[in-house]
Amino acid sequence: MSVEAPAASAGLPESTSAPEPAATPGLPAAAAVNARCDNCGASVPGRYCGSCGQRLEPPVHSLGHFARVATEDLTHADSRLWRTLLALLVKPGLLTREFLAGRRASYLPPVRLYLVVSVVFFLWAAVHSANDRSSIIMVKPDNPPPAAAAGPAHQAPPTSGKLTVKAGANPDDCAEVTYDGPWARQLQPFIRNTCAKMVKDNGRSVSEGLMHNLPRAMFVFLPLLAAVMMLFYWSPRRYYVEHLLFLVHNHAFVFVFLMLTWALALPFPPAAALIWTASSLYMFWYVYRAMRTVYGQGRGLTIAKLLAMSFVYLIFGALMLSITAVYSVLTA
């Protein structure tokens, strides 16, 4: 009776079939065999596609599945959204420093972060400006100076009208608004027409135009400030983009923090003034700390540059706001 020798003793391989690929965690074994990315079609050996980065998962077939996926994206411990917002609010300058150091995968890209935050902020501001909008009316002097009886040469000069915010306006009142400044002849009709339009629609068109144009103006405002910051940090030399990223992150912080402060002060009207004061102090300290984190200079020099930049910011901001307001009125 002969005994068959094992395959290994004869020098033959134990199996000639190819090893089965390991199943992807969280997916059926059949889905892991020859899995293809639905986005780019590349082979996906793991949980994420190595070509485009899309996660490998079954298609969404039900509302419950979609809700689970959305909840996981928002609440997962590794979600970049919450990590970015936490660093943005309580770690001044960290996002800018990490981005410049090349450690970018853990946080939202700065431009995307700014765009999302600015859209939410200006929508929020537009809603509240619509709630607080009032009519505009011309107020005439209560006691106009009497005209002299001697003749036209001795009559008192005409009194210019004055615009103020008050309810119950009449568009016909705008016909008596006068302007005595430069280019009065050219601007007078435009001023009256604008006044009548603002009274007629309760200031809605101008207010909406301003809220619509401010985000666009910020795209011009931030690059100009970044150019000014290059003058403050000329030694050691830094790239222009470094200053622009610093301003993008800090403005995103201001937008988020203003909305949070409003939400905190709204339920406590008696403490609203104190809350807004504390918020202003924290924002000033935040920018100071961010400058030290990103640029690494001493306290005295950083404070001096912060005060100088604050002055420049106020001047440029007032100019930007004035130009945007005039443009909004012209295009209303």
C-alpha atoms as a PDB file:
ATOM      1  CA  MET A   1       0.000   0.000   0.000  1.00  0.00           C
ATOM      2  CA  SER A   2       1.662   3.196  -1.141  1.00  0.00           C
ATOM      3  CA  VAL A   3       1.336   6.461   0.701  1.00  0.00           C
ATOM      4  CA  GLU A   4       1.162   9.658  -1.380  1.00  0.00           C
ATOM      5  CA  ALA A   5       3.853  12.134  -0.391  1.00  0.00           C
ATOM      6  CA  PRO A   6       2.823  15.671   0.556  1.00  0.00           C
ATOM      7  CA  ALA A   7       3.075  18.252  -2.170  1.00  0.00           C
ATOM      8  CA  ALA A   8       5.654  20.215  -0.211  1.00  0.00           C
ATOM      9  CA  SER A   9       8.052  17.216  -0.098  1.00  0.00           C
ATOM     10  CA  ALA A  10       7.933  16.900  -3.877  1.00  0.00           C
ATOM     11  CA  GLY A  11       8.984  20.538  -4.284  1.00  0.00           C
ATOM     12  CA  LEU A  12       5.610  21.553  -5.571  1.00  0.00           C
ATOM     13  CA  PRO A  13       3.735  24.662  -4.294  1.00  0.00           C
ATOM     14  CA  GLU A  14       0.866  24.000  -1.940  1.00  0.00           C
ATOM     15  CA  SER A  15      -1.516  26.006  -4.089  1.00  0.00           C
ATOM     16  CA  THR A  16      -1.334  27.497  -7.554  1.00  0.00           C
ATOM     17  CA  SER A  17      -4.301  29.836  -7.112  1.00  0.00           C
ATOM     18  CA  ALA A  18      -3.761  33.588  -6.500  1.00  0.00           C
ATOM     19  CA  PRO A  19      -4.373  34.819  -2.924  1.00  0.00           C
ATOM     20  CA  GLU A  20      -7.703  36.493  -2.380  1.00  0.00           C
ATOM     21  CA  PRO A  21      -7.529  40.210  -1.604  1.00  0.00           C
ATOM     22  CA  ALA A  22      -8.305  41.208   1.937  1.00  0.00           C
ATOM     23  CA  ALA A  23     -11.781  42.544   2.505  1.00  0.00           C
ATOM     24  CA  THR A  24     -12.091  46.267   3.103  1.00  0.00           C
ATOM     25  CA  PRO A  25     -13.284  47.008   6.643  1.00  0.00           C
ATOM     26  CA  GLY A  26     -16.922  48.053   6.696  1.00  0.00           C
ATOM     27  CA  LEU A  27     -17.668  46.613   3.225  1.00  0.00           C
ATOM     28  CA  PRO A  28     -18.891  43.185   2.102  1.00  0.00           C
ATOM     29  CA  ALA A  29     -16.180  40.767   0.974  1.00  0.00           C
ATOM     30  CA  ALA A  30     -17.607  40.693  -2.539  1.00  0.00           C
ATOM     31  CA  ALA A  31     -17.293  44.487  -2.800  1.00  0.00           C
ATOM     32  CA  ALA A  32     -13.587  44.360  -1.902  1.00  0.00           C
ATOM     33  CA  VAL A  33     -12.742  42.038  -4.842  1.00  0.00           C
ATOM     34  CA  ASN A  34     -11.760  44.146  -7.849  1.00  0.00           C
ATOM     35  CA  ALA A  35     -13.294  47.246  -6.185  1.00  0.00           C
ATOM     36  CA  ARG A  36     -13.379  50.285  -8.421  1.00  0.00           C
ATOM     37  CA  CYS A  37     -13.753  53.934  -7.509  1.00  0.00           C
ATOM     38  CA  ASP A  38     -17.110  55.300  -8.638  1.00  0.00           C
ATOM     39  CA  ASN A  39     -15.518  58.707  -9.216  1.00  0.00           C
ATOM     40  CA  CYS A  40     -12.442  57.951 -11.356  1.00  0.00           C
ATOM     41  CA  GLY A  41     -12.616  54.206 -11.989  1.00  0.00           C
ATOM     42  CA  ALA A  42      -9.250  53.383 -10.408  1.00  0.00           C
ATOM     43  CA  SER A  43      -8.709  50.194  -8.423  1.00  0.00           C
ATOM     44  CA  VAL A  44      -9.263  50.743  -4.688  1.00  0.00           C
ATOM     45  CA  PRO A  45      -7.387  48.304  -2.412  1.00  0.00           C
ATOM     46  CA  GLY A  46      -8.382  50.088   0.794  1.00  0.00           C
ATOM     47  CA  ARG A  47     -10.987  52.419   2.191  1.00  0.00           C
ATOM     48  CA  TYR A  48     -10.050  55.445   0.058  1.00  0.00           C
ATOM     49  CA  CYS A  49      -9.124  55.817  -3.599  1.00  0.00           C
ATOM     50  CA  GLY A  50      -5.428  56.471  -4.097  1.00  0.00           C
ATOM     51  CA  SER A  51      -6.067  58.510  -7.249  1.00  0.00           C
ATOM     52  CA  CYS A  52      -8.824  60.948  -6.279  1.00  0.00           C
ATOM     53  CA  GLY A  53      -9.249  60.401  -2.530  1.00  0.00           C
ATOM     54  CA  GLN A  54     -12.941  59.472  -2.633  1.00  0.00           C
ATOM     55  CA  ARG A  55     -14.112  57.078   0.071  1.00  0.00           C
ATOM     56  CA  LEU A  56     -15.222  53.615  -1.062  1.00  0.00           C
ATOM     57  CA  GLU A  57     -18.766  52.980   0.089  1.00  0.00           C
ATOM     58  CA  PRO A  58     -22.000  51.552  -1.297  1.00  0.00           C
ATOM     59  CA  PRO A  59     -24.339  53.928  -3.141  1.00  0.00           C
ATOM     60  CA  VAL A  60     -26.885  55.913  -1.170  1.00  0.00           C
ATOM     61  CA  HIS A  61     -30.219  54.132  -1.612  1.00  0.00           C
ATOM     62  CA  SER A  62     -32.267  55.448   1.289  1.00  0.00           C
ATOM     63  CA  LEU A  63     -32.824  58.583   3.325  1.00  0.00           C
ATOM     64  CA  GLY A  64     -31.631  56.790   6.453  1.00  0.00           C
ATOM     65  CA  HIS A  65     -28.330  55.875   4.786  1.00  0.00           C
ATOM     66  CA  PHE A  66     -27.864  59.449   3.582  1.00  0.00           C
ATOM     67  CA  ALA A  67     -28.560  60.768   7.104  1.00  0.00           C
ATOM     68  CA  ARG A  68     -25.985  58.363   8.580  1.00  0.00           C
ATOM     69  CA  VAL A  69     -23.345  59.439   6.063  1.00  0.00           C
ATOM     70  CA  ALA A  70     -24.017  63.147   6.690  1.00  0.00           C
ATOM     71  CA  THR A  71     -23.952  62.668  10.460  1.00  0.00           C
ATOM     72  CA  GLU A  72     -20.668  60.785  10.249  1.00  0.00           C
ATOM     73  CA  ASP A  73     -19.098  63.531   8.131  1.00  0.00           C
ATOM     74  CA  LEU A  74     -20.102  66.201  10.664  1.00  0.00           C
ATOM     75  CA  THR A  75     -19.487  64.423  13.951  1.00  0.00           C
ATOM     76  CA  HIS A  76     -16.624  62.050  13.199  1.00  0.00           C
ATOM     77  CA  ALA A  77     -13.650  62.562  15.499  1.00  0.00           C
ATOM     78  CA  ASP A  78     -11.353  63.106  12.498  1.00  0.00           C
ATOM     79  CA  SER A  79     -13.597  65.663  10.804  1.00  0.00           C
ATOM     80  CA  ARG A  80     -11.553  68.601   9.540  1.00  0.00           C
ATOM     81  CA  LEU A  81     -14.451  71.017   9.990  1.00  0.00           C
ATOM     82  CA  TRP A  82     -14.583  70.879  13.782  1.00  0.00           C
ATOM     83  CA  ARG A  83     -10.820  70.686  14.159  1.00  0.00           C
ATOM     84  CA  THR A  84     -10.444  73.760  11.958  1.00  0.00           C
ATOM     85  CA  LEU A  85     -13.112  75.757  13.812  1.00  0.00           C
ATOM     86  CA  LEU A  86     -11.613  74.875  17.203  1.00  0.00           C
ATOM     87  CA  ALA A  87      -8.139  75.970  16.110  1.00  0.00           C
ATOM     88  CA  LEU A  88      -9.580  79.082  14.491  1.00  0.00           C
ATOM     89  CA  LEU A  89     -11.323  80.234  17.682  1.00  0.00           C
ATOM     90  CA  VAL A  90      -8.899  79.373  20.476  1.00  0.00           C
ATOM     91  CA  LYS A  91      -5.452  78.922  18.868  1.00  0.00           C
ATOM     92  CA  PRO A  92      -4.424  82.235  17.259  1.00  0.00           C
ATOM     93  CA  GLY A  93      -2.116  81.878  14.281  1.00  0.00           C
ATOM     94  CA  LEU A  94      -2.003  78.081  14.391  1.00  0.00           C
ATOM     95  CA  LEU A  95      -3.805  77.516  11.090  1.00  0.00           C
ATOM     96  CA  THR A  96      -1.523  79.932   9.243  1.00  0.00           C
ATOM     97  CA  ARG A  97       1.626  78.456  10.782  1.00  0.00           C
ATOM     98  CA  GLU A  98       0.550  74.873  10.057  1.00  0.00           C
ATOM     99  CA  PHE A  99      -0.316  75.695   6.448  1.00  0.00           C
ATOM    100  CA  LEU A 100       3.012  77.426   5.828  1.00  0.00           C
ATOM    101  CA  ALA A 101       4.828  74.468   7.421  1.00  0.00           C
ATOM    102  CA  GLY A 102       3.130  72.074   4.983  1.00  0.00           C
ATOM    103  CA  ARG A 103       0.888  70.361   7.562  1.00  0.00           C
ATOM    104  CA  ARG A 104      -2.384  70.914   5.681  1.00  0.00           C
ATOM    105  CA  ALA A 105      -4.289  67.612   5.581  1.00  0.00           C
ATOM    106  CA  SER A 106      -5.814  68.028   9.051  1.00  0.00           C
ATOM    107  CA  TYR A 107      -7.515  71.374   8.365  1.00  0.00           C
ATOM    108  CA  LEU A 108      -9.793  72.969   5.800  1.00  0.00           C
ATOM    109  CA  PRO A 109      -7.992  74.924   3.055  1.00  0.00           C
ATOM    110  CA  PRO A 110      -7.839  78.629   3.997  1.00  0.00           C
ATOM    111  CA  VAL A 111      -9.612  79.981   0.913  1.00  0.00           C
ATOM    112  CA  ARG A 112     -12.453  77.465   1.241  1.00  0.00           C
ATOM    113  CA  LEU A 113     -12.744  78.247   4.950  1.00  0.00           C
ATOM    114  CA  TYR A 114     -12.923  81.990   4.291  1.00  0.00           C
ATOM    115  CA  LEU A 115     -15.475  81.642   1.494  1.00  0.00           C
ATOM    116  CA  VAL A 116     -17.834  79.463   3.547  1.00  0.00           C
ATOM    117  CA  VAL A 117     -17.535  81.622   6.666  1.00  0.00           C
ATOM    118  CA  SER A 118     -17.930  84.915   4.783  1.00  0.00           C
ATOM    119  CA  VAL A 119     -21.030  83.692   2.936  1.00  0.00           C
ATOM    120  CA  VAL A 120     -22.649  82.643   6.225  1.00  0.00           C
ATOM    121  CA  PHE A 121     -21.627  85.894   7.925  1.00  0.00           C
ATOM    122  CA  PHE A 122     -22.971  88.227   5.241  1.00  0.00           C
ATOM    123  CA  LEU A 123     -26.197  86.245   4.965  1.00  0.00           C
ATOM    124  CA  TRP A 124     -26.581  86.617   8.716  1.00  0.00           C
ATOM    125  CA  ALA A 125     -25.829  90.347   8.465  1.00  0.00           C
ATOM    126  CA  ALA A 126     -28.315  90.774   5.616  1.00  0.00           C
ATOM    127  CA  VAL A 127     -31.095  89.138   7.616  1.00  0.00           C
ATOM    128  CA  HIS A 128     -30.520  91.430  10.587  1.00  0.00           C
ATOM    129  CA  SER A 129     -30.165  94.553   8.469  1.00  0.00           C
ATOM    130  CA  ALA A 130     -33.517  93.715   6.857  1.00  0.00           C
ATOM    131  CA  ASN A 131     -35.109  93.455  10.296  1.00  0.00           C
ATOM    132  CA  ASP A 132     -33.702  96.822  11.395  1.00  0.00           C
ATOM    133  CA  ARG A 133     -34.374  98.738   8.183  1.00  0.00           C
ATOM    134  CA  SER A 134     -36.224 102.059   8.533  1.00  0.00           C
ATOM    135  CA  SER A 135     -37.599 104.596   6.110  1.00  0.00           C
ATOM    136  CA  ILE A 136     -35.844 107.805   5.151  1.00  0.00           C
ATOM    137  CA  ILE A 137     -37.521 111.169   5.277  1.00  0.00           C
ATOM    138  CA  MET A 138     -36.433 114.734   4.758  1.00  0.00           C
ATOM    139  CA  VAL A 139     -36.775 116.888   7.857  1.00  0.00           C
ATOM    140  CA  LYS A 140     -37.307 120.582   7.267  1.00  0.00           C
ATOM    141  CA  PRO A 141     -36.134 123.189   9.753  1.00  0.00           C
ATOM    142  CA  ASP A 142     -38.769 123.871  12.406  1.00  0.00           C
ATOM    143  CA  ASN A 143     -38.095 127.602  12.469  1.00  0.00           C
ATOM    144  CA  PRO A 144     -36.744 128.730   9.095  1.00  0.00           C
ATOM    145  CA  PRO A 145     -35.106 132.141   9.118  1.00  0.00           C
ATOM    146  CA  PRO A 146     -37.555 134.852   7.976  1.00  0.00           C
ATOM    147  CA  ALA A 147     -36.936 136.506   4.696  1.00  0.00           C
ATOM    148  CA  ALA A 148     -35.995 140.192   4.758  1.00  0.00           C
ATOM    149  CA  ALA A 149     -38.639 142.584   3.503  1.00  0.00           C
ATOM    150  CA  ALA A 150     -36.207 144.873   1.657  1.00  0.00           C
ATOM    151  CA  GLY A 151     -36.025 142.738  -1.467  1.00  0.00           C
ATOM    152  CA  PRO A 152     -34.380 139.741  -3.064  1.00  0.00           C
ATOM    153  CA  ALA A 153     -30.874 141.001  -2.364  1.00  0.00           C
ATOM    154  CA  HIS A 154     -31.474 140.837   1.372  1.00  0.00           C
ATOM    155  CA  GLN A 155     -33.325 137.559   1.524  1.00  0.00           C
ATOM    156  CA  ALA A 156     -31.848 134.758   3.621  1.00  0.00           C
ATOM    157  CA  PRO A 157     -30.054 132.043   1.667  1.00  0.00           C
ATOM    158  CA  PRO A 158     -32.008 128.853   1.099  1.00  0.00           C
ATOM    159  CA  THR A 159     -31.547 126.201   3.758  1.00  0.00           C
ATOM    160  CA  SER A 160     -30.325 122.824   2.597  1.00  0.00           C
ATOM    161  CA  GLY A 161     -32.507 119.834   3.363  1.00  0.00           C
ATOM    162  CA  LYS A 162     -31.369 117.167   5.757  1.00  0.00           C
ATOM    163  CA  LEU A 163     -31.868 113.407   5.506  1.00  0.00           C
ATOM    164  CA  THR A 164     -32.493 111.398   8.623  1.00  0.00           C
ATOM    165  CA  VAL A 165     -33.912 107.994   9.475  1.00  0.00           C
ATOM    166  CA  LYS A 166     -37.577 108.124  10.425  1.00  0.00           C
ATOM    167  CA  ALA A 167     -40.709 106.115   9.748  1.00  0.00           C
ATOM    168  CA  GLY A 168     -43.638 107.341   7.640  1.00  0.00           C
ATOM    169  CA  ALA A 169     -41.770 108.945   4.764  1.00  0.00           C
ATOM    170  CA  ASN A 170     -43.328 110.485   1.671  1.00  0.00           C
ATOM    171  CA  PRO A 171     -41.410 110.303  -1.650  1.00  0.00           C
ATOM    172  CA  ASP A 172     -42.607 113.809  -2.509  1.00  0.00           C
ATOM    173  CA  ASP A 173     -40.502 115.204   0.353  1.00  0.00           C
ATOM    174  CA  CYS A 174     -37.351 114.315  -1.597  1.00  0.00           C
ATOM    175  CA  ALA A 175     -38.163 117.025  -4.138  1.00  0.00           C
ATOM    176  CA  GLU A 176     -37.089 119.656  -1.603  1.00  0.00           C
ATOM    177  CA  VAL A 177     -33.725 118.082  -0.778  1.00  0.00           C
ATOM    178  CA  THR A 178     -30.948 120.443  -1.808  1.00  0.00           C
ATOM    179  CA  TYR A 179     -27.214 119.976  -2.209  1.00  0.00           C
ATOM    180  CA  ASP A 180     -24.773 122.898  -2.213  1.00  0.00           C
ATOM    181  CA  GLY A 181     -21.446 121.027  -2.463  1.00  0.00           C
ATOM    182  CA  PRO A 182     -19.138 120.406  -5.428  1.00  0.00           C
ATOM    183  CA  TRP A 183     -20.802 119.475  -8.732  1.00  0.00           C
ATOM    184  CA  ALA A 184     -24.172 120.426  -7.255  1.00  0.00           C
ATOM    185  CA  ARG A 185     -25.759 120.909 -10.663  1.00  0.00           C
ATOM    186  CA  GLN A 186     -24.858 117.392 -11.808  1.00  0.00           C
ATOM    187  CA  LEU A 187     -25.517 115.616  -8.516  1.00  0.00           C
ATOM    188  CA  GLN A 188     -28.742 117.314  -7.456  1.00  0.00           C
ATOM    189  CA  PRO A 189     -31.078 115.236  -9.693  1.00  0.00           C
ATOM    190  CA  PHE A 190     -29.310 112.040  -8.757  1.00  0.00           C
ATOM    191  CA  ILE A 191     -29.600 112.781  -5.013  1.00  0.00           C
ATOM    192  CA  ARG A 192     -33.318 113.441  -5.262  1.00  0.00           C
ATOM    193  CA  ASN A 193     -33.962 110.341  -7.363  1.00  0.00           C
ATOM    194  CA  THR A 194     -31.984 108.193  -4.962  1.00  0.00           C
ATOM    195  CA  CYS A 195     -33.842 109.654  -1.995  1.00  0.00           C
ATOM    196  CA  ALA A 196     -37.210 108.909  -3.634  1.00  0.00           C
ATOM    197  CA  LYS A 197     -36.173 105.356  -4.466  1.00  0.00           C
ATOM    198  CA  MET A 198     -34.966 104.667  -0.912  1.00  0.00           C
ATOM    199  CA  VAL A 199     -38.173 106.078   0.569  1.00  0.00           C
ATOM    200  CA  LYS A 200     -40.356 104.143  -1.861  1.00  0.00           C
ATOM    201  CA  ASP A 201     -38.900 100.692  -1.122  1.00  0.00           C
ATOM    202  CA  ASN A 202     -38.004 101.411   2.519  1.00  0.00           C
ATOM    203  CA  GLY A 203     -34.272 101.371   1.724  1.00  0.00           C
ATOM    204  CA  ARG A 204     -34.398  97.730   0.642  1.00  0.00           C
ATOM    205  CA  SER A 205     -32.585  98.080  -2.704  1.00  0.00           C
ATOM    206  CA  VAL A 206     -29.657 100.037  -1.259  1.00  0.00           C
ATOM    207  CA  SER A 207     -29.383  97.752   1.766  1.00  0.00           C
ATOM    208  CA  GLU A 208     -29.430  94.617  -0.368  1.00  0.00           C
ATOM    209  CA  GLY A 209     -26.915  96.141  -2.763  1.00  0.00           C
ATOM    210  CA  LEU A 210     -24.560  96.970   0.086  1.00  0.00           C
ATOM    211  CA  MET A 211     -24.777  93.435   1.522  1.00  0.00           C
ATOM    212  CA  HIS A 212     -24.208  92.051  -1.965  1.00  0.00           C
ATOM    213  CA  ASN A 213     -21.178  94.236  -2.714  1.00  0.00           C
ATOM    214  CA  LEU A 214     -19.359  94.039   0.624  1.00  0.00           C
ATOM    215  CA  PRO A 215     -18.073  90.469   0.124  1.00  0.00           C
ATOM    216  CA  ARG A 216     -16.726  91.511  -3.272  1.00  0.00           C
ATOM    217  CA  ALA A 217     -15.052  94.548  -1.756  1.00  0.00           C
ATOM    218  CA  MET A 218     -13.317  92.322   0.784  1.00  0.00           C
ATOM    219  CA  PHE A 219     -11.582  90.495  -2.060  1.00  0.00           C
ATOM    220  CA  VAL A 220      -9.933  93.807  -2.936  1.00  0.00           C
ATOM    221  CA  PHE A 221      -9.500  94.952   0.655  1.00  0.00           C
ATOM    222  CA  LEU A 222      -7.532  91.927   1.914  1.00  0.00           C
ATOM    223  CA  PRO A 223      -4.900  91.920  -0.877  1.00  0.00           C
ATOM    224  CA  LEU A 224      -4.306  95.646  -0.295  1.00  0.00           C
ATOM    225  CA  LEU A 225      -3.777  95.041   3.430  1.00  0.00           C
ATOM    226  CA  ALA A 226      -1.405  92.187   2.648  1.00  0.00           C
ATOM    227  CA  ALA A 227       0.670  94.577   0.523  1.00  0.00           C
ATOM    228  CA  VAL A 228       0.815  97.026   3.443  1.00  0.00           C
ATOM    229  CA  MET A 229       1.917  94.246   5.797  1.00  0.00           C
ATOM    230  CA  MET A 230       4.898  93.583   3.558  1.00  0.00           C
ATOM    231  CA  LEU A 231       6.135  97.061   4.500  1.00  0.00           C
ATOM    232  CA  PHE A 232       5.857  96.205   8.214  1.00  0.00           C
ATOM    233  CA  TYR A 233       7.677  92.887   7.801  1.00  0.00           C
ATOM    234  CA  TRP A 234      10.372  93.720   5.299  1.00  0.00           C
ATOM    235  CA  SER A 235      13.126  92.093   7.380  1.00  0.00           C
ATOM    236  CA  PRO A 236      13.401  89.139   7.403  1.00  0.00           C
ATOM    237  CA  ARG A 237      11.840  89.027   3.981  1.00  0.00           C
ATOM    238  CA  ARG A 238       8.540  87.163   3.708  1.00  0.00           C
ATOM    239  CA  TYR A 239       6.379  86.187   0.795  1.00  0.00           C
ATOM    240  CA  TYR A 240       3.262  88.177  -0.026  1.00  0.00           C
ATOM    241  CA  VAL A 241       1.113  85.032   0.230  1.00  0.00           C
ATOM    242  CA  GLU A 242       2.140  84.578   3.878  1.00  0.00           C
ATOM    243  CA  HIS A 243       0.570  87.916   4.806  1.00  0.00           C
ATOM    244  CA  LEU A 244      -2.508  87.174   2.699  1.00  0.00           C
ATOM    245  CA  LEU A 245      -3.018  83.815   4.451  1.00  0.00           C
ATOM    246  CA  PHE A 246      -2.626  85.507   7.828  1.00  0.00           C
ATOM    247  CA  LEU A 247      -5.358  88.020   6.969  1.00  0.00           C
ATOM    248  CA  VAL A 248      -7.651  85.348   5.503  1.00  0.00           C
ATOM    249  CA  HIS A 249      -7.510  83.270   8.686  1.00  0.00           C
ATOM    250  CA  ASN A 250      -7.941  86.277  10.977  1.00  0.00           C
ATOM    251  CA  HIS A 251     -10.946  87.614   9.082  1.00  0.00           C
ATOM    252  CA  ALA A 252     -12.535  84.169   9.133  1.00  0.00           C
ATOM    253  CA  PHE A 253     -12.051  84.181  12.906  1.00  0.00           C
ATOM    254  CA  VAL A 254     -13.653  87.625  13.236  1.00  0.00           C
ATOM    255  CA  PHE A 255     -16.699  86.572  11.214  1.00  0.00           C
ATOM    256  CA  VAL A 256     -17.263  83.402  13.257  1.00  0.00           C
ATOM    257  CA  PHE A 257     -16.589  85.118  16.585  1.00  0.00           C
ATOM    258  CA  LEU A 258     -18.970  88.010  15.872  1.00  0.00           C
ATOM    259  CA  MET A 259     -21.802  85.574  15.160  1.00  0.00           C
ATOM    260  CA  LEU A 260     -21.030  83.604  18.317  1.00  0.00           C
ATOM    261  CA  THR A 261     -20.927  86.797  20.397  1.00  0.00           C
ATOM    262  CA  TRP A 262     -24.286  87.901  19.022  1.00  0.00           C
ATOM    263  CA  ALA A 263     -25.769  84.470  19.811  1.00  0.00           C
ATOM    264  CA  LEU A 264     -24.411  84.693  23.360  1.00  0.00           C
ATOM    265  CA  ALA A 265     -25.550  88.275  23.981  1.00  0.00           C
ATOM    266  CA  LEU A 266     -29.044  87.859  22.524  1.00  0.00           C
ATOM    267  CA  PRO A 267     -30.562  85.909  25.462  1.00  0.00           C
ATOM    268  CA  PHE A 268     -28.989  88.268  28.038  1.00  0.00           C
ATOM    269  CA  PRO A 269     -29.871  91.887  27.100  1.00  0.00           C
ATOM    270  CA  PRO A 270     -28.689  93.377  30.446  1.00  0.00           C
ATOM    271  CA  ALA A 271     -25.231  91.871  29.937  1.00  0.00           C
ATOM    272  CA  ALA A 272     -25.009  92.535  26.188  1.00  0.00           C
ATOM    273  CA  ALA A 273     -22.727  95.582  26.551  1.00  0.00           C
ATOM    274  CA  LEU A 274     -20.348  93.663  28.815  1.00  0.00           C
ATOM    275  CA  ILE A 275     -20.313  90.670  26.473  1.00  0.00           C
ATOM    276  CA  TRP A 276     -19.513  92.822  23.430  1.00  0.00           C
ATOM    277  CA  THR A 277     -16.755  94.662  25.348  1.00  0.00           C
ATOM    278  CA  ALA A 278     -15.165  91.385  26.395  1.00  0.00           C
ATOM    279  CA  SER A 279     -15.499  90.138  22.816  1.00  0.00           C
ATOM    280  CA  SER A 280     -13.697  93.212  21.449  1.00  0.00           C
ATOM    281  CA  LEU A 281     -10.840  92.789  23.916  1.00  0.00           C
ATOM    282  CA  TYR A 282     -10.501  89.114  23.037  1.00  0.00           C
ATOM    283  CA  MET A 283     -10.378  89.886  19.308  1.00  0.00           C
ATOM    284  CA  PHE A 284      -7.634  92.466  19.877  1.00  0.00           C
ATOM    285  CA  TRP A 285      -5.640  89.987  21.975  1.00  0.00           C
ATOM    286  CA  TYR A 286      -6.279  87.267  19.385  1.00  0.00           C
ATOM    287  CA  VAL A 287      -4.730  89.278  16.545  1.00  0.00           C
ATOM    288  CA  TYR A 288      -1.759  90.193  18.743  1.00  0.00           C
ATOM    289  CA  ARG A 289      -1.180  86.555  19.673  1.00  0.00           C
ATOM    290  CA  ALA A 290      -1.604  85.454  16.048  1.00  0.00           C
ATOM    291  CA  MET A 291       1.058  87.937  14.939  1.00  0.00           C
ATOM    292  CA  ARG A 292       3.478  86.578  17.509  1.00  0.00           C
ATOM    293  CA  THR A 293       2.742  82.980  16.537  1.00  0.00           C
ATOM    294  CA  VAL A 294       3.173  83.519  12.798  1.00  0.00           C
ATOM    295  CA  TYR A 295       5.941  86.134  12.699  1.00  0.00           C
ATOM    296  CA  GLY A 296       7.755  85.298  15.931  1.00  0.00           C
ATOM    297  CA  GLN A 297       8.735  88.839  16.956  1.00  0.00           C
ATOM    298  CA  GLY A 298       8.910  90.301  20.478  1.00  0.00           C
ATOM    299  CA  ARG A 299       6.044  91.754  22.478  1.00  0.00           C
ATOM    300  CA  GLY A 300       6.928  95.443  22.114  1.00  0.00           C
ATOM    301  CA  LEU A 301       7.565  95.278  18.378  1.00  0.00           C
ATOM    302  CA  THR A 302       4.420  93.222  17.806  1.00  0.00           C
ATOM    303  CA  ILE A 303       2.259  95.687  19.784  1.00  0.00           C
ATOM    304  CA  ALA A 304       3.702  98.628  17.857  1.00  0.00           C
ATOM    305  CA  LYS A 305       2.991  96.942  14.535  1.00  0.00           C
ATOM    306  CA  LEU A 306      -0.477  95.932  15.686  1.00  0.00           C
ATOM    307  CA  LEU A 307      -1.350  99.542  16.571  1.00  0.00           C
ATOM    308  CA  ALA A 308       0.026 100.797  13.256  1.00  0.00           C
ATOM    309  CA  MET A 309      -1.866  98.118  11.332  1.00  0.00           C
ATOM    310  CA  SER A 310      -5.036  98.955  13.252  1.00  0.00           C
ATOM    311  CA  PHE A 311      -4.764 102.588  12.137  1.00  0.00           C
ATOM    312  CA  VAL A 312      -4.178 101.536   8.524  1.00  0.00           C
ATOM    313  CA  TYR A 313      -7.070  99.094   8.786  1.00  0.00           C
ATOM    314  CA  LEU A 314      -9.446 101.809   9.984  1.00  0.00           C
ATOM    315  CA  ILE A 315      -8.428 104.193   7.197  1.00  0.00           C
ATOM    316  CA  PHE A 316      -8.625 101.567   4.453  1.00  0.00           C
ATOM    317  CA  GLY A 317     -11.807 100.089   5.920  1.00  0.00           C
ATOM    318  CA  ALA A 318     -13.597 103.443   6.032  1.00  0.00           C
ATOM    319  CA  LEU A 319     -12.518 104.174   2.454  1.00  0.00           C
ATOM    320  CA  MET A 320     -13.620 100.730   1.266  1.00  0.00           C
ATOM    321  CA  LEU A 321     -16.968 101.032   3.030  1.00  0.00           C
ATOM    322  CA  SER A 322     -17.584 104.518   1.591  1.00  0.00           C
ATOM    323  CA  ILE A 323     -16.767 103.447  -1.968  1.00  0.00           C
ATOM    324  CA  THR A 324     -18.927 100.341  -1.618  1.00  0.00           C
ATOM    325  CA  ALA A 325     -21.834 102.382  -0.239  1.00  0.00           C
ATOM    326  CA  VAL A 326     -21.626 104.920  -3.071  1.00  0.00           C
ATOM    327  CA  TYR A 327     -21.434 102.135  -5.656  1.00  0.00           C
ATOM    328  CA  SER A 328     -24.431 100.387  -4.053  1.00  0.00           C
ATOM    329  CA  VAL A 329     -26.461 103.606  -4.241  1.00  0.00           C
ATOM    330  CA  LEU A 330     -25.455 104.195  -7.882  1.00  0.00           C
ATOM    331  CA  THR A 331     -26.459 100.689  -8.916  1.00  0.00           C
ATOM    332  CA  ALA A 332     -29.577 100.378  -6.739  1.00  0.00           C
END
